Amino acid sequence: MQAFGRGTNLHALWDSGLIEGTGRNAAALTQRLAAAAISSTSRIVSTAQIAEESCKIVAAPGFYPDRKVSGEYVDRYVSVMEQQLQRAGQRLAQVLNAALR
């Protein structure tokens, strides 16, 4: 698969490619997502619920791009990636807070 003018795979695209390839600054993105963080009183979810959320994302029509990742794909999934990063940070904070009490 090709994205942003270079060879890649879906795992790498979602790990860092959507951030790097769109010219986003990781530190600025982190600050923006942290500032918009959901309430710290949000409920703790199970690993099964987290897996189900991910399954819904990958089951969406068009999630698996053709040989070349289109601009439409990036436009569609950057917001999903940001939402998942925000959720992951919030959930990690909940786990750490519970462990350190």
N, C-alpha and C. Protein backbone atom coordinates (compact mmCIF):
# COMPACT_ATOMS: atom_id res chain seq x y z
N MET A 1 0.85 -1.16 0.00
CA MET A 1 0.00 0.00 0.00
C MET A 1 0.90 1.23 0.00
N GLN A 2 0.39 2.29 -0.57
CA GLN A 2 1.14 3.54 -0.62
C GLN A 2 0.31 4.65 0.00
N ALA A 3 0.97 5.44 0.85
CA ALA A 3 0.32 6.60 1.46
C ALA A 3 1.33 7.72 1.57
N PHE A 4 0.91 8.90 1.22
CA PHE A 4 1.75 10.08 1.32
C PHE A 4 3.06 9.92 0.54
N GLY A 5 2.97 9.25 -0.59
CA GLY A 5 4.10 9.12 -1.49
C GLY A 5 5.13 8.08 -1.12
N ARG A 6 4.82 7.21 -0.17
CA ARG A 6 5.77 6.16 0.19
C ARG A 6 5.05 4.88 0.55
N GLY A 7 5.77 3.78 0.49
CA GLY A 7 5.19 2.49 0.83
C GLY A 7 4.95 2.38 2.32
N THR A 8 3.88 1.71 2.66
CA THR A 8 3.53 1.54 4.07
C THR A 8 2.59 0.35 4.19
N ASN A 9 2.08 0.13 5.38
CA ASN A 9 1.03 -0.84 5.60
C ASN A 9 -0.02 -0.20 6.49
N LEU A 10 -1.14 -0.86 6.64
CA LEU A 10 -2.25 -0.28 7.38
C LEU A 10 -1.88 -0.03 8.84
N HIS A 11 -1.13 -0.94 9.42
CA HIS A 11 -0.72 -0.79 10.82
C HIS A 11 0.12 0.49 10.99
N ALA A 12 1.10 0.68 10.13
CA ALA A 12 1.96 1.87 10.22
C ALA A 12 1.16 3.14 9.92
N LEU A 13 0.23 3.05 8.99
CA LEU A 13 -0.60 4.21 8.67
C LEU A 13 -1.35 4.68 9.90
N TRP A 14 -1.92 3.75 10.65
CA TRP A 14 -2.68 4.11 11.83
C TRP A 14 -1.80 4.39 13.04
N ASP A 15 -0.61 3.80 13.12
CA ASP A 15 0.29 4.08 14.25
C ASP A 15 0.82 5.50 14.21
N SER A 16 1.27 5.93 13.06
CA SER A 16 1.88 7.26 12.99
C SER A 16 1.67 7.97 11.66
N GLY A 17 1.36 7.23 10.61
CA GLY A 17 1.26 7.82 9.29
C GLY A 17 0.20 8.88 9.14
N LEU A 18 -0.95 8.70 9.78
CA LEU A 18 -2.01 9.70 9.67
C LEU A 18 -1.62 11.01 10.34
N ILE A 19 -0.78 10.93 11.35
CA ILE A 19 -0.29 12.15 12.01
C ILE A 19 0.81 12.77 11.16
N GLU A 20 1.82 12.00 10.86
CA GLU A 20 2.99 12.51 10.13
C GLU A 20 2.64 12.93 8.71
N GLY A 21 1.88 12.12 8.02
CA GLY A 21 1.58 12.37 6.62
C GLY A 21 0.72 13.58 6.37
N THR A 22 -0.04 13.98 7.35
CA THR A 22 -0.90 15.15 7.19
C THR A 22 -0.23 16.41 7.72
N GLY A 23 1.03 16.29 8.13
CA GLY A 23 1.78 17.45 8.59
C GLY A 23 1.40 17.92 9.98
N ARG A 24 0.71 17.10 10.71
CA ARG A 24 0.34 17.48 12.07
C ARG A 24 1.56 17.38 12.98
N ASN A 25 1.65 18.29 13.90
CA ASN A 25 2.70 18.28 14.90
C ASN A 25 2.19 17.45 16.07
N ALA A 26 2.91 16.38 16.42
CA ALA A 26 2.45 15.47 17.47
C ALA A 26 2.26 16.19 18.81
N ALA A 27 3.17 17.08 19.16
CA ALA A 27 3.05 17.79 20.43
C ALA A 27 1.82 18.71 20.44
N ALA A 28 1.61 19.41 19.34
CA ALA A 28 0.44 20.29 19.26
C ALA A 28 -0.85 19.48 19.27
N LEU A 29 -0.85 18.35 18.58
CA LEU A 29 -2.02 17.47 18.57
C LEU A 29 -2.31 16.96 19.98
N THR A 30 -1.27 16.59 20.70
CA THR A 30 -1.42 16.11 22.07
C THR A 30 -2.06 17.18 22.95
N GLN A 31 -1.57 18.40 22.84
CA GLN A 31 -2.12 19.50 23.63
C GLN A 31 -3.59 19.75 23.29
N ARG A 32 -3.90 19.75 22.01
CA ARG A 32 -5.27 20.01 21.58
C ARG A 32 -6.21 18.91 22.08
N LEU A 33 -5.79 17.66 21.96
CA LEU A 33 -6.64 16.56 22.41
C LEU A 33 -6.79 16.55 23.92
N ALA A 34 -5.72 16.89 24.64
CA ALA A 34 -5.79 16.94 26.10
C ALA A 34 -6.72 18.06 26.55
N ALA A 35 -6.68 19.19 25.86
CA ALA A 35 -7.54 20.32 26.22
C ALA A 35 -9.01 20.00 25.98
N ALA A 36 -9.28 19.14 25.01
CA ALA A 36 -10.66 18.78 24.68
C ALA A 36 -11.06 17.45 25.33
N ALA A 37 -10.28 17.01 26.30
CA ALA A 37 -10.51 15.69 26.91
C ALA A 37 -11.91 15.60 27.49
N ILE A 38 -12.46 14.41 27.36
CA ILE A 38 -13.77 14.16 27.94
C ILE A 38 -13.66 14.15 29.47
N SER A 39 -14.73 14.28 30.12
CA SER A 39 -14.77 14.35 31.57
C SER A 39 -14.03 13.18 32.21
N SER A 40 -13.30 13.47 33.26
CA SER A 40 -12.56 12.42 33.96
C SER A 40 -13.50 11.49 34.72
N THR A 41 -14.78 11.83 34.76
CA THR A 41 -15.74 10.97 35.44
C THR A 41 -16.36 9.95 34.48
N SER A 42 -15.84 9.91 33.25
CA SER A 42 -16.40 8.95 32.30
C SER A 42 -16.17 7.53 32.81
N ARG A 43 -17.04 6.66 32.45
CA ARG A 43 -17.00 5.31 32.99
C ARG A 43 -15.82 4.52 32.43
N ILE A 44 -15.35 3.61 33.24
CA ILE A 44 -14.29 2.70 32.82
C ILE A 44 -14.94 1.60 32.00
N VAL A 45 -14.36 1.29 30.87
CA VAL A 45 -14.91 0.26 30.01
C VAL A 45 -14.00 -0.95 30.02
N SER A 46 -14.57 -2.08 29.67
CA SER A 46 -13.81 -3.32 29.66
C SER A 46 -12.98 -3.43 28.39
N THR A 47 -12.01 -4.31 28.43
CA THR A 47 -11.20 -4.53 27.22
C THR A 47 -12.07 -5.09 26.10
N ALA A 48 -13.09 -5.85 26.44
CA ALA A 48 -14.00 -6.36 25.42
C ALA A 48 -14.76 -5.22 24.74
N GLN A 49 -15.19 -4.22 25.51
CA GLN A 49 -15.86 -3.07 24.93
C GLN A 49 -14.92 -2.27 24.03
N ILE A 50 -13.68 -2.15 24.44
CA ILE A 50 -12.69 -1.43 23.63
C ILE A 50 -12.48 -2.18 22.32
N ALA A 51 -12.37 -3.50 22.39
CA ALA A 51 -12.20 -4.30 21.18
C ALA A 51 -13.41 -4.17 20.26
N GLU A 52 -14.60 -4.15 20.83
CA GLU A 52 -15.81 -3.99 20.03
C GLU A 52 -15.83 -2.64 19.31
N GLU A 53 -15.38 -1.59 19.99
CA GLU A 53 -15.29 -0.27 19.35
C GLU A 53 -14.37 -0.34 18.14
N SER A 54 -13.22 -0.97 18.32
CA SER A 54 -12.26 -1.09 17.22
C SER A 54 -12.82 -1.92 16.08
N CYS A 55 -13.53 -2.99 16.41
CA CYS A 55 -14.13 -3.83 15.38
C CYS A 55 -15.14 -3.05 14.55
N LYS A 56 -15.90 -2.17 15.19
CA LYS A 56 -16.86 -1.36 14.45
C LYS A 56 -16.15 -0.43 13.47
N ILE A 57 -15.01 0.10 13.89
CA ILE A 57 -14.26 1.00 13.00
C ILE A 57 -13.76 0.23 11.79
N VAL A 58 -13.13 -0.92 12.02
CA VAL A 58 -12.54 -1.65 10.90
C VAL A 58 -13.58 -2.34 10.03
N ALA A 59 -14.79 -2.48 10.54
CA ALA A 59 -15.87 -3.10 9.75
C ALA A 59 -16.58 -2.09 8.85
N ALA A 60 -16.26 -0.82 9.03
CA ALA A 60 -16.91 0.22 8.22
C ALA A 60 -16.51 0.07 6.76
N PRO A 61 -17.47 0.24 5.86
CA PRO A 61 -17.13 0.18 4.43
C PRO A 61 -16.04 1.20 4.10
N GLY A 62 -15.04 0.76 3.38
CA GLY A 62 -13.96 1.64 2.96
C GLY A 62 -12.81 1.76 3.93
N PHE A 63 -12.88 1.06 5.07
CA PHE A 63 -11.78 1.17 6.04
C PHE A 63 -10.48 0.65 5.45
N TYR A 64 -10.54 -0.46 4.74
CA TYR A 64 -9.33 -1.03 4.14
C TYR A 64 -9.12 -0.38 2.78
N PRO A 65 -8.12 0.50 2.68
CA PRO A 65 -7.93 1.23 1.42
C PRO A 65 -7.39 0.33 0.32
N ASP A 66 -7.54 0.81 -0.91
CA ASP A 66 -6.95 0.13 -2.05
C ASP A 66 -5.43 0.28 -1.95
N ARG A 67 -4.77 0.01 -3.01
CA ARG A 67 -3.29 0.05 -3.02
C ARG A 67 -2.74 1.43 -2.68
N LYS A 68 -3.51 2.46 -2.95
CA LYS A 68 -3.07 3.82 -2.66
C LYS A 68 -4.10 4.50 -1.76
N VAL A 69 -3.63 5.04 -0.64
CA VAL A 69 -4.51 5.73 0.29
C VAL A 69 -4.89 7.08 -0.31
N SER A 70 -6.17 7.30 -0.46
CA SER A 70 -6.65 8.53 -1.09
C SER A 70 -6.79 9.66 -0.06
N GLY A 71 -6.88 10.85 -0.58
CA GLY A 71 -7.14 12.01 0.26
C GLY A 71 -8.47 11.90 0.98
N GLU A 72 -9.43 11.28 0.32
CA GLU A 72 -10.75 11.09 0.94
C GLU A 72 -10.64 10.16 2.15
N TYR A 73 -9.81 9.14 2.03
CA TYR A 73 -9.59 8.22 3.16
C TYR A 73 -9.00 8.99 4.34
N VAL A 74 -7.98 9.77 4.06
CA VAL A 74 -7.34 10.55 5.12
C VAL A 74 -8.34 11.51 5.74
N ASP A 75 -9.08 12.23 4.93
CA ASP A 75 -10.08 13.17 5.45
C ASP A 75 -11.10 12.46 6.33
N ARG A 76 -11.50 11.28 5.92
CA ARG A 76 -12.52 10.53 6.67
C ARG A 76 -11.99 10.00 8.00
N TYR A 77 -10.74 9.53 8.01
CA TYR A 77 -10.27 8.80 9.18
C TYR A 77 -9.35 9.58 10.11
N VAL A 78 -8.92 10.78 9.76
CA VAL A 78 -8.10 11.55 10.70
C VAL A 78 -8.90 11.86 11.96
N SER A 79 -10.15 12.23 11.81
CA SER A 79 -10.96 12.53 13.00
C SER A 79 -11.20 11.28 13.85
N VAL A 80 -11.33 10.13 13.20
CA VAL A 80 -11.49 8.86 13.93
C VAL A 80 -10.20 8.57 14.71
N MET A 81 -9.06 8.75 14.05
CA MET A 81 -7.77 8.54 14.70
C MET A 81 -7.62 9.45 15.92
N GLU A 82 -7.99 10.72 15.77
CA GLU A 82 -7.89 11.65 16.88
C GLU A 82 -8.80 11.25 18.03
N GLN A 83 -10.00 10.82 17.70
CA GLN A 83 -10.93 10.37 18.74
C GLN A 83 -10.39 9.15 19.48
N GLN A 84 -9.80 8.23 18.75
CA GLN A 84 -9.24 7.03 19.37
C GLN A 84 -8.04 7.38 20.26
N LEU A 85 -7.21 8.31 19.82
CA LEU A 85 -6.09 8.75 20.65
C LEU A 85 -6.58 9.38 21.94
N GLN A 86 -7.61 10.20 21.82
CA GLN A 86 -8.17 10.85 23.00
C GLN A 86 -8.74 9.82 23.96
N ARG A 87 -9.48 8.88 23.44
CA ARG A 87 -10.04 7.82 24.29
C ARG A 87 -8.94 7.02 24.97
N ALA A 88 -7.91 6.67 24.22
CA ALA A 88 -6.83 5.87 24.78
C ALA A 88 -6.12 6.62 25.91
N GLY A 89 -5.88 7.90 25.71
CA GLY A 89 -5.25 8.69 26.76
C GLY A 89 -6.11 8.78 28.01
N GLN A 90 -7.39 8.99 27.80
CA GLN A 90 -8.32 9.06 28.93
C GLN A 90 -8.38 7.73 29.68
N ARG A 91 -8.43 6.66 28.93
CA ARG A 91 -8.51 5.34 29.56
C ARG A 91 -7.22 4.98 30.29
N LEU A 92 -6.09 5.33 29.72
CA LEU A 92 -4.83 5.09 30.39
C LEU A 92 -4.77 5.88 31.69
N ALA A 93 -5.21 7.13 31.65
CA ALA A 93 -5.22 7.94 32.86
C ALA A 93 -6.10 7.31 33.93
N GLN A 94 -7.24 6.77 33.56
CA GLN A 94 -8.12 6.11 34.52
C GLN A 94 -7.45 4.90 35.15
N VAL A 95 -6.78 4.10 34.34
CA VAL A 95 -6.10 2.91 34.85
C VAL A 95 -4.98 3.32 35.82
N LEU A 96 -4.19 4.32 35.42
CA LEU A 96 -3.10 4.77 36.30
C LEU A 96 -3.63 5.38 37.58
N ASN A 97 -4.68 6.20 37.50
CA ASN A 97 -5.26 6.78 38.69
C ASN A 97 -5.77 5.71 39.64
N ALA A 98 -6.43 4.69 39.11
CA ALA A 98 -6.94 3.60 39.95
C ALA A 98 -5.80 2.81 40.58
N ALA A 99 -4.73 2.61 39.84
CA ALA A 99 -3.60 1.83 40.35
C ALA A 99 -2.81 2.58 41.41
N LEU A 100 -2.83 3.89 41.34
CA LEU A 100 -2.01 4.68 42.26
C LEU A 100 -2.77 5.22 43.46
N ARG A 101 -3.99 4.80 43.62
CA ARG A 101 -4.79 5.25 44.79
C ARG A 101 -4.41 4.49 46.02
